[in-house]
């Protein structure tokens, strides 16, 4: 599964969507286009609600 994000007007990275779980072959294809984060990820320590669209969790 991918969690998708974009920067808001204040420059904070916000979760805006997610995919369904990816099949292994699709996950490998996506992985070819990803790069390792250079320093600290902005979502480190953030928890996401189990139900997308829930107001629970600190990624809102």
Protein backbone atom coordinates (compact mmCIF):
# COMPACT_ATOMS: atom_id res chain seq x y z
CA UNK A 1 0.00 0.00 0.00
CA UNK A 2 1.17 3.53 -0.73
CA UNK A 3 0.25 6.55 1.35
CA UNK A 4 0.23 9.62 -0.88
CA UNK A 5 0.96 13.12 0.33
CA UNK A 6 1.44 16.67 -0.79
CA UNK A 7 2.69 19.83 0.83
CA UNK A 8 0.05 22.25 2.11
CA UNK A 9 0.24 26.06 1.90
CA UNK A 10 2.48 26.11 5.00
CA UNK A 11 4.89 23.54 3.57
CA UNK A 12 3.70 20.67 5.79
CA UNK A 13 3.42 17.25 4.19
CA UNK A 14 -0.21 16.07 4.44
CA UNK A 15 -1.66 12.65 3.65
CA UNK A 16 -4.12 12.97 0.76
CA UNK A 17 -4.79 9.40 -0.31
CA UNK A 18 -3.76 5.79 -0.25
CA UNK A 19 -3.76 2.82 -2.57
CA UNK A 20 -5.10 -0.66 -2.08
CA UNK A 21 -2.48 -3.24 -1.11
CA UNK A 22 -0.18 -3.73 -4.10
CA UNK A 23 0.52 -7.09 -5.70
CA UNK A 24 4.20 -8.05 -5.34
CA UNK A 25 5.00 -7.47 -9.03
CA UNK A 26 3.37 -4.03 -8.95
CA UNK A 27 5.16 -3.16 -5.70
CA UNK A 28 8.50 -4.01 -7.37
CA UNK A 29 7.66 -1.78 -10.34
CA UNK A 30 6.76 1.12 -8.05
CA UNK A 31 9.89 0.57 -5.94
CA UNK A 32 12.07 1.15 -9.02
CA UNK A 33 10.86 4.78 -9.00
CA UNK A 34 11.39 5.51 -5.30
CA UNK A 35 14.45 7.02 -3.64
CA UNK A 36 15.56 6.74 -0.02
CA UNK A 37 14.89 9.76 2.13
CA UNK A 38 18.00 11.89 2.67
CA UNK A 39 17.28 12.94 6.26
CA UNK A 40 14.36 12.48 8.64
CA UNK A 41 10.98 11.80 7.11
CA UNK A 42 8.25 14.34 7.97
CA UNK A 43 5.84 11.53 8.94
CA UNK A 44 8.22 9.82 11.38
CA UNK A 45 6.20 8.88 14.45
CA UNK A 46 2.86 9.76 12.83
CA UNK A 47 0.06 7.23 13.21
CA UNK A 48 -2.72 6.85 10.69
CA UNK A 49 -6.31 5.91 11.48
CA UNK A 50 -7.37 2.41 10.45
CA UNK A 51 -10.35 3.82 8.53
CA UNK A 52 -9.41 6.36 5.88
CA UNK A 53 -11.39 9.53 6.38
CA UNK A 54 -11.60 9.05 10.13
CA UNK A 55 -10.71 12.14 12.14
CA UNK A 56 -8.63 10.00 14.51
CA UNK A 57 -4.86 9.80 14.22
CA UNK A 58 -2.28 12.54 14.02
CA UNK A 59 -1.93 12.59 10.22
CA UNK A 60 -5.09 14.65 9.81
